[in-house]
Amino acid sequence: MVVQHQILKTLRAAPCELTEVMKQHPDDGRTAISRRVSEAFGFYDALGRVQHSSCLQALKTLEAEGALSLPHRSAWSEALCLVCWTNRYLRLLECRHCSRMCAAWSWNW
């Protein structure tokens, strides 16, 4: 397990390994790259989960410094349309009156 604040330091110290991991899957997006890099470098938290969010932040920092180039974000990932935004709060439930599946608002995501 690598401590969270040391992820950037670890990635700066191993530019060749980082580039090799990124070249293995050239069609991956930013999130997939951060997951693969986290797994390759062993960035896990105390519960054994991959620290892809912290790794992505470190990768963005390295990109801002000019050390690497991440793929551009697609238009779909930058904004949600109104239907997608609404549907993330809706879930299908069986109606007590007609026994059909009806959409119901849910604040328990």
N, C-alpha and C. Protein backbone atom coordinates (compact mmCIF):
# COMPACT_ATOMS: atom_id res chain seq x y z
N MET A 1 0.84 -1.19 0.00
CA MET A 1 0.00 0.00 0.00
C MET A 1 0.88 1.24 0.00
N VAL A 2 0.67 2.12 -0.95
CA VAL A 2 1.41 3.37 -1.04
C VAL A 2 0.56 4.46 -0.41
N VAL A 3 1.17 5.28 0.45
CA VAL A 3 0.45 6.37 1.09
C VAL A 3 0.02 7.36 0.01
N GLN A 4 -1.18 7.93 0.15
CA GLN A 4 -1.80 8.73 -0.89
C GLN A 4 -0.92 9.88 -1.38
N HIS A 5 -0.27 10.60 -0.49
CA HIS A 5 0.51 11.76 -0.91
C HIS A 5 1.81 11.37 -1.60
N GLN A 6 2.14 10.09 -1.62
CA GLN A 6 3.37 9.65 -2.27
C GLN A 6 3.13 9.14 -3.69
N ILE A 7 1.90 9.14 -4.16
CA ILE A 7 1.61 8.64 -5.50
C ILE A 7 2.31 9.48 -6.56
N LEU A 8 2.21 10.79 -6.46
CA LEU A 8 2.86 11.67 -7.43
C LEU A 8 4.37 11.48 -7.40
N LYS A 9 4.93 11.38 -6.21
CA LYS A 9 6.37 11.18 -6.05
C LYS A 9 6.81 9.86 -6.70
N THR A 10 6.01 8.81 -6.51
CA THR A 10 6.32 7.50 -7.09
C THR A 10 6.26 7.55 -8.61
N LEU A 11 5.25 8.21 -9.16
CA LEU A 11 5.11 8.29 -10.61
C LEU A 11 6.21 9.15 -11.24
N ARG A 12 6.62 10.20 -10.55
CA ARG A 12 7.72 11.03 -11.06
C ARG A 12 9.03 10.25 -11.10
N ALA A 13 9.21 9.33 -10.15
CA ALA A 13 10.46 8.57 -10.07
C ALA A 13 10.55 7.45 -11.10
N ALA A 14 9.44 7.07 -11.71
CA ALA A 14 9.43 5.95 -12.66
C ALA A 14 8.74 6.32 -13.97
N PRO A 15 9.29 7.29 -14.72
CA PRO A 15 8.62 7.70 -15.95
C PRO A 15 8.58 6.62 -17.02
N CYS A 16 9.60 5.78 -17.10
CA CYS A 16 9.63 4.72 -18.13
C CYS A 16 8.54 3.69 -17.88
N GLU A 17 8.39 3.27 -16.63
CA GLU A 17 7.36 2.28 -16.30
C GLU A 17 5.96 2.85 -16.52
N LEU A 18 5.80 4.12 -16.18
CA LEU A 18 4.52 4.79 -16.38
C LEU A 18 4.16 4.84 -17.86
N THR A 19 5.11 5.23 -18.70
CA THR A 19 4.85 5.30 -20.14
C THR A 19 4.56 3.93 -20.71
N GLU A 20 5.24 2.90 -20.22
CA GLU A 20 5.02 1.54 -20.70
C GLU A 20 3.59 1.07 -20.39
N VAL A 21 3.11 1.35 -19.19
CA VAL A 21 1.74 0.97 -18.82
C VAL A 21 0.73 1.69 -19.71
N MET A 22 0.99 2.96 -19.99
CA MET A 22 0.07 3.74 -20.82
C MET A 22 0.08 3.27 -22.27
N LYS A 23 1.23 2.82 -22.77
CA LYS A 23 1.34 2.37 -24.16
C LYS A 23 0.68 1.01 -24.40
N GLN A 24 0.52 0.21 -23.36
CA GLN A 24 -0.05 -1.12 -23.51
C GLN A 24 -1.51 -1.07 -23.96
N HIS A 25 -2.22 -0.01 -23.59
CA HIS A 25 -3.64 0.14 -23.94
C HIS A 25 -3.86 1.56 -24.46
N PRO A 26 -3.50 1.82 -25.72
CA PRO A 26 -3.56 3.20 -26.23
C PRO A 26 -4.96 3.77 -26.39
N ASP A 27 -5.98 2.92 -26.44
CA ASP A 27 -7.35 3.42 -26.64
C ASP A 27 -8.08 3.70 -25.34
N ASP A 28 -7.44 3.48 -24.21
CA ASP A 28 -8.09 3.70 -22.91
C ASP A 28 -8.31 5.18 -22.64
N GLY A 29 -9.34 5.47 -21.88
CA GLY A 29 -9.60 6.83 -21.43
C GLY A 29 -8.82 7.13 -20.16
N ARG A 30 -9.02 8.31 -19.63
CA ARG A 30 -8.29 8.74 -18.44
C ARG A 30 -8.54 7.85 -17.23
N THR A 31 -9.79 7.50 -16.98
CA THR A 31 -10.12 6.68 -15.81
C THR A 31 -9.52 5.29 -15.93
N ALA A 32 -9.63 4.69 -17.11
CA ALA A 32 -9.06 3.35 -17.32
C ALA A 32 -7.54 3.38 -17.16
N ILE A 33 -6.91 4.44 -17.65
CA ILE A 33 -5.46 4.57 -17.50
C ILE A 33 -5.10 4.67 -16.03
N SER A 34 -5.84 5.48 -15.28
CA SER A 34 -5.51 5.65 -13.86
C SER A 34 -5.70 4.34 -13.09
N ARG A 35 -6.70 3.55 -13.46
CA ARG A 35 -6.89 2.24 -12.82
C ARG A 35 -5.73 1.30 -13.15
N ARG A 36 -5.33 1.27 -14.41
CA ARG A 36 -4.23 0.39 -14.81
C ARG A 36 -2.91 0.80 -14.15
N VAL A 37 -2.65 2.09 -14.10
CA VAL A 37 -1.43 2.59 -13.45
C VAL A 37 -1.46 2.27 -11.96
N SER A 38 -2.61 2.45 -11.33
CA SER A 38 -2.73 2.16 -9.90
C SER A 38 -2.46 0.68 -9.62
N GLU A 39 -2.99 -0.19 -10.47
CA GLU A 39 -2.76 -1.62 -10.28
C GLU A 39 -1.30 -1.99 -10.54
N ALA A 40 -0.70 -1.38 -11.58
CA ALA A 40 0.68 -1.69 -11.92
C ALA A 40 1.66 -1.24 -10.84
N PHE A 41 1.37 -0.08 -10.23
CA PHE A 41 2.28 0.46 -9.22
C PHE A 41 1.88 0.05 -7.80
N GLY A 42 0.76 -0.62 -7.64
CA GLY A 42 0.33 -1.07 -6.32
C GLY A 42 -0.25 0.02 -5.45
N PHE A 43 -1.01 0.94 -6.06
CA PHE A 43 -1.65 2.00 -5.29
C PHE A 43 -3.00 1.51 -4.77
N TYR A 44 -3.00 0.99 -3.56
CA TYR A 44 -4.22 0.48 -2.93
C TYR A 44 -4.37 1.15 -1.56
N ASP A 45 -5.63 1.32 -1.13
CA ASP A 45 -5.86 1.88 0.20
C ASP A 45 -5.84 0.75 1.24
N ALA A 46 -6.13 1.09 2.48
CA ALA A 46 -6.07 0.12 3.57
C ALA A 46 -7.09 -1.02 3.41
N LEU A 47 -8.17 -0.75 2.67
CA LEU A 47 -9.18 -1.78 2.45
C LEU A 47 -8.92 -2.61 1.19
N GLY A 48 -7.82 -2.33 0.51
CA GLY A 48 -7.47 -3.08 -0.68
C GLY A 48 -8.09 -2.57 -1.96
N ARG A 49 -8.69 -1.38 -1.92
CA ARG A 49 -9.30 -0.80 -3.12
C ARG A 49 -8.26 0.01 -3.90
N VAL A 50 -8.40 0.00 -5.21
CA VAL A 50 -7.47 0.75 -6.06
C VAL A 50 -7.68 2.24 -5.84
N GLN A 51 -6.59 2.99 -5.71
CA GLN A 51 -6.66 4.44 -5.51
C GLN A 51 -6.62 5.16 -6.86
N HIS A 52 -7.59 4.87 -7.71
CA HIS A 52 -7.55 5.43 -9.06
C HIS A 52 -7.82 6.93 -9.07
N SER A 53 -8.60 7.44 -8.15
CA SER A 53 -8.90 8.87 -8.13
C SER A 53 -7.64 9.69 -7.79
N SER A 54 -6.92 9.26 -6.78
CA SER A 54 -5.68 9.95 -6.42
C SER A 54 -4.64 9.80 -7.52
N CYS A 55 -4.62 8.64 -8.16
CA CYS A 55 -3.70 8.41 -9.27
C CYS A 55 -4.05 9.31 -10.45
N LEU A 56 -5.33 9.46 -10.74
CA LEU A 56 -5.76 10.33 -11.83
C LEU A 56 -5.36 11.77 -11.56
N GLN A 57 -5.49 12.20 -10.32
CA GLN A 57 -5.08 13.56 -9.97
C GLN A 57 -3.58 13.74 -10.18
N ALA A 58 -2.80 12.73 -9.81
CA ALA A 58 -1.35 12.79 -10.02
C ALA A 58 -1.01 12.80 -11.51
N LEU A 59 -1.74 12.00 -12.30
CA LEU A 59 -1.52 11.99 -13.75
C LEU A 59 -1.85 13.35 -14.37
N LYS A 60 -2.90 13.99 -13.88
CA LYS A 60 -3.26 15.32 -14.38
C LYS A 60 -2.18 16.34 -14.03
N THR A 61 -1.61 16.20 -12.84
CA THR A 61 -0.51 17.09 -12.43
C THR A 61 0.69 16.89 -13.34
N LEU A 62 1.05 15.64 -13.62
CA LEU A 62 2.17 15.36 -14.51
C LEU A 62 1.90 15.88 -15.92
N GLU A 63 0.65 15.81 -16.37
CA GLU A 63 0.30 16.34 -17.68
C GLU A 63 0.46 17.86 -17.69
N ALA A 64 0.04 18.53 -16.63
CA ALA A 64 0.17 19.98 -16.54
C ALA A 64 1.65 20.40 -16.54
N GLU A 65 2.49 19.54 -15.98
CA GLU A 65 3.93 19.82 -15.96
C GLU A 65 4.60 19.50 -17.29
N GLY A 66 3.87 18.82 -18.20
CA GLY A 66 4.42 18.47 -19.50
C GLY A 66 5.15 17.15 -19.53
N ALA A 67 5.03 16.35 -18.47
CA ALA A 67 5.74 15.08 -18.40
C ALA A 67 5.08 13.98 -19.23
N LEU A 68 3.78 14.10 -19.47
CA LEU A 68 3.05 13.10 -20.25
C LEU A 68 1.83 13.73 -20.88
N SER A 69 1.18 12.96 -21.73
CA SER A 69 -0.02 13.45 -22.40
C SER A 69 -1.15 12.44 -22.20
N LEU A 70 -2.23 12.90 -21.58
CA LEU A 70 -3.41 12.05 -21.38
C LEU A 70 -4.37 12.25 -22.53
N PRO A 71 -5.22 11.25 -22.81
CA PRO A 71 -6.22 11.44 -23.86
C PRO A 71 -7.20 12.55 -23.49
N HIS A 72 -7.72 13.21 -24.50
CA HIS A 72 -8.69 14.27 -24.26
C HIS A 72 -10.00 13.68 -23.76
N ARG A 73 -10.71 14.46 -22.95
CA ARG A 73 -12.02 14.03 -22.48
C ARG A 73 -13.00 14.11 -23.62
N SER A 74 -13.89 13.13 -23.69
CA SER A 74 -14.90 13.16 -24.75
C SER A 74 -16.03 14.11 -24.34
N ALA A 75 -16.82 14.52 -25.30
CA ALA A 75 -17.93 15.43 -25.03
C ALA A 75 -18.95 14.80 -24.10
N TRP A 76 -19.12 13.48 -24.19
CA TRP A 76 -20.11 12.80 -23.35
C TRP A 76 -19.70 12.80 -21.89
N SER A 77 -18.42 12.78 -21.60
CA SER A 77 -18.00 12.74 -20.21
C SER A 77 -17.98 14.12 -19.57
N GLU A 78 -18.05 15.17 -20.37
CA GLU A 78 -17.98 16.51 -19.81
C GLU A 78 -19.31 17.00 -19.26
N ALA A 79 -20.40 16.52 -19.81
CA ALA A 79 -21.70 16.99 -19.35
C ALA A 79 -22.75 15.90 -19.56
N LEU A 80 -23.73 15.88 -18.69
CA LEU A 80 -24.84 14.94 -18.83
C LEU A 80 -26.02 15.66 -19.47
N CYS A 81 -26.69 14.98 -20.39
CA CYS A 81 -27.89 15.57 -20.95
C CYS A 81 -28.98 15.54 -19.88
N LEU A 82 -30.07 16.24 -20.10
CA LEU A 82 -31.14 16.35 -19.12
C LEU A 82 -31.75 14.99 -18.79
N VAL A 83 -31.91 14.12 -19.80
CA VAL A 83 -32.50 12.81 -19.57
C VAL A 83 -31.59 11.98 -18.68
N CYS A 84 -30.28 11.96 -18.96
CA CYS A 84 -29.34 11.18 -18.13
C CYS A 84 -29.29 11.74 -16.71
N TRP A 85 -29.30 13.07 -16.59
CA TRP A 85 -29.24 13.66 -15.27
C TRP A 85 -30.47 13.28 -14.45
N THR A 86 -31.65 13.30 -15.09
CA THR A 86 -32.89 12.93 -14.41
C THR A 86 -32.91 11.45 -14.08
N ASN A 87 -32.49 10.61 -15.02
CA ASN A 87 -32.55 9.16 -14.83
C ASN A 87 -31.64 8.65 -13.72
N ARG A 88 -30.63 9.41 -13.35
CA ARG A 88 -29.78 8.92 -12.27
C ARG A 88 -30.50 8.99 -10.92
N TYR A 89 -31.60 9.75 -10.85
CA TYR A 89 -32.39 9.81 -9.62
C TYR A 89 -33.62 8.91 -9.66
N LEU A 90 -33.90 8.33 -10.82
CA LEU A 90 -35.08 7.49 -10.96
C LEU A 90 -34.70 6.02 -10.86
N ARG A 91 -35.58 5.24 -10.32
CA ARG A 91 -35.39 3.79 -10.35
C ARG A 91 -36.75 3.15 -10.54
N LEU A 92 -36.75 1.96 -11.11
CA LEU A 92 -38.01 1.27 -11.37
C LEU A 92 -38.45 0.49 -10.15
N LEU A 93 -39.70 0.67 -9.77
CA LEU A 93 -40.30 -0.05 -8.66
C LEU A 93 -41.62 -0.66 -9.11
N GLU A 94 -42.00 -1.73 -8.48
CA GLU A 94 -43.28 -2.33 -8.80
C GLU A 94 -44.38 -1.52 -8.13
N CYS A 95 -45.34 -1.10 -8.94
CA CYS A 95 -46.45 -0.29 -8.43
C CYS A 95 -47.38 -1.16 -7.58
N ARG A 96 -47.79 -0.63 -6.44
CA ARG A 96 -48.69 -1.39 -5.56
C ARG A 96 -50.10 -1.48 -6.13
N HIS A 97 -50.45 -0.57 -7.03
CA HIS A 97 -51.81 -0.51 -7.54
C HIS A 97 -52.01 -1.36 -8.79
N CYS A 98 -51.07 -1.33 -9.71
CA CYS A 98 -51.27 -2.01 -10.99
C CYS A 98 -50.26 -3.13 -11.24
N SER A 99 -49.32 -3.35 -10.35
CA SER A 99 -48.29 -4.39 -10.46
C SER A 99 -47.38 -4.22 -11.67
N ARG A 100 -47.36 -3.04 -12.27
CA ARG A 100 -46.43 -2.76 -13.37
C ARG A 100 -45.22 -2.04 -12.81
N MET A 101 -44.16 -2.03 -13.59
CA MET A 101 -42.96 -1.32 -13.17
C MET A 101 -43.15 0.17 -13.46
N CYS A 102 -43.02 0.99 -12.46
CA CYS A 102 -43.19 2.42 -12.59
C CYS A 102 -41.92 3.10 -12.09
N ALA A 103 -41.65 4.26 -12.65
CA ALA A 103 -40.48 5.04 -12.22
C ALA A 103 -40.83 5.76 -10.92
N ALA A 104 -39.93 5.72 -9.99
CA ALA A 104 -40.14 6.41 -8.71
C ALA A 104 -38.88 7.18 -8.37
N TRP A 105 -39.05 8.34 -7.77
CA TRP A 105 -37.89 9.14 -7.39
C TRP A 105 -37.17 8.45 -6.25
N SER A 106 -35.87 8.47 -6.30
CA SER A 106 -35.08 7.87 -5.25
C SER A 106 -33.92 8.78 -4.91
N TRP A 107 -33.77 9.10 -3.67
CA TRP A 107 -32.63 9.91 -3.23
C TRP A 107 -31.58 9.03 -2.58
N ASN A 108 -31.77 7.72 -2.66
CA ASN A 108 -30.78 6.77 -2.13
C ASN A 108 -29.98 6.19 -3.28
N TRP A 109 -29.03 6.92 -3.80
CA TRP A 109 -28.29 6.47 -4.97
C TRP A 109 -27.47 5.30 -4.57
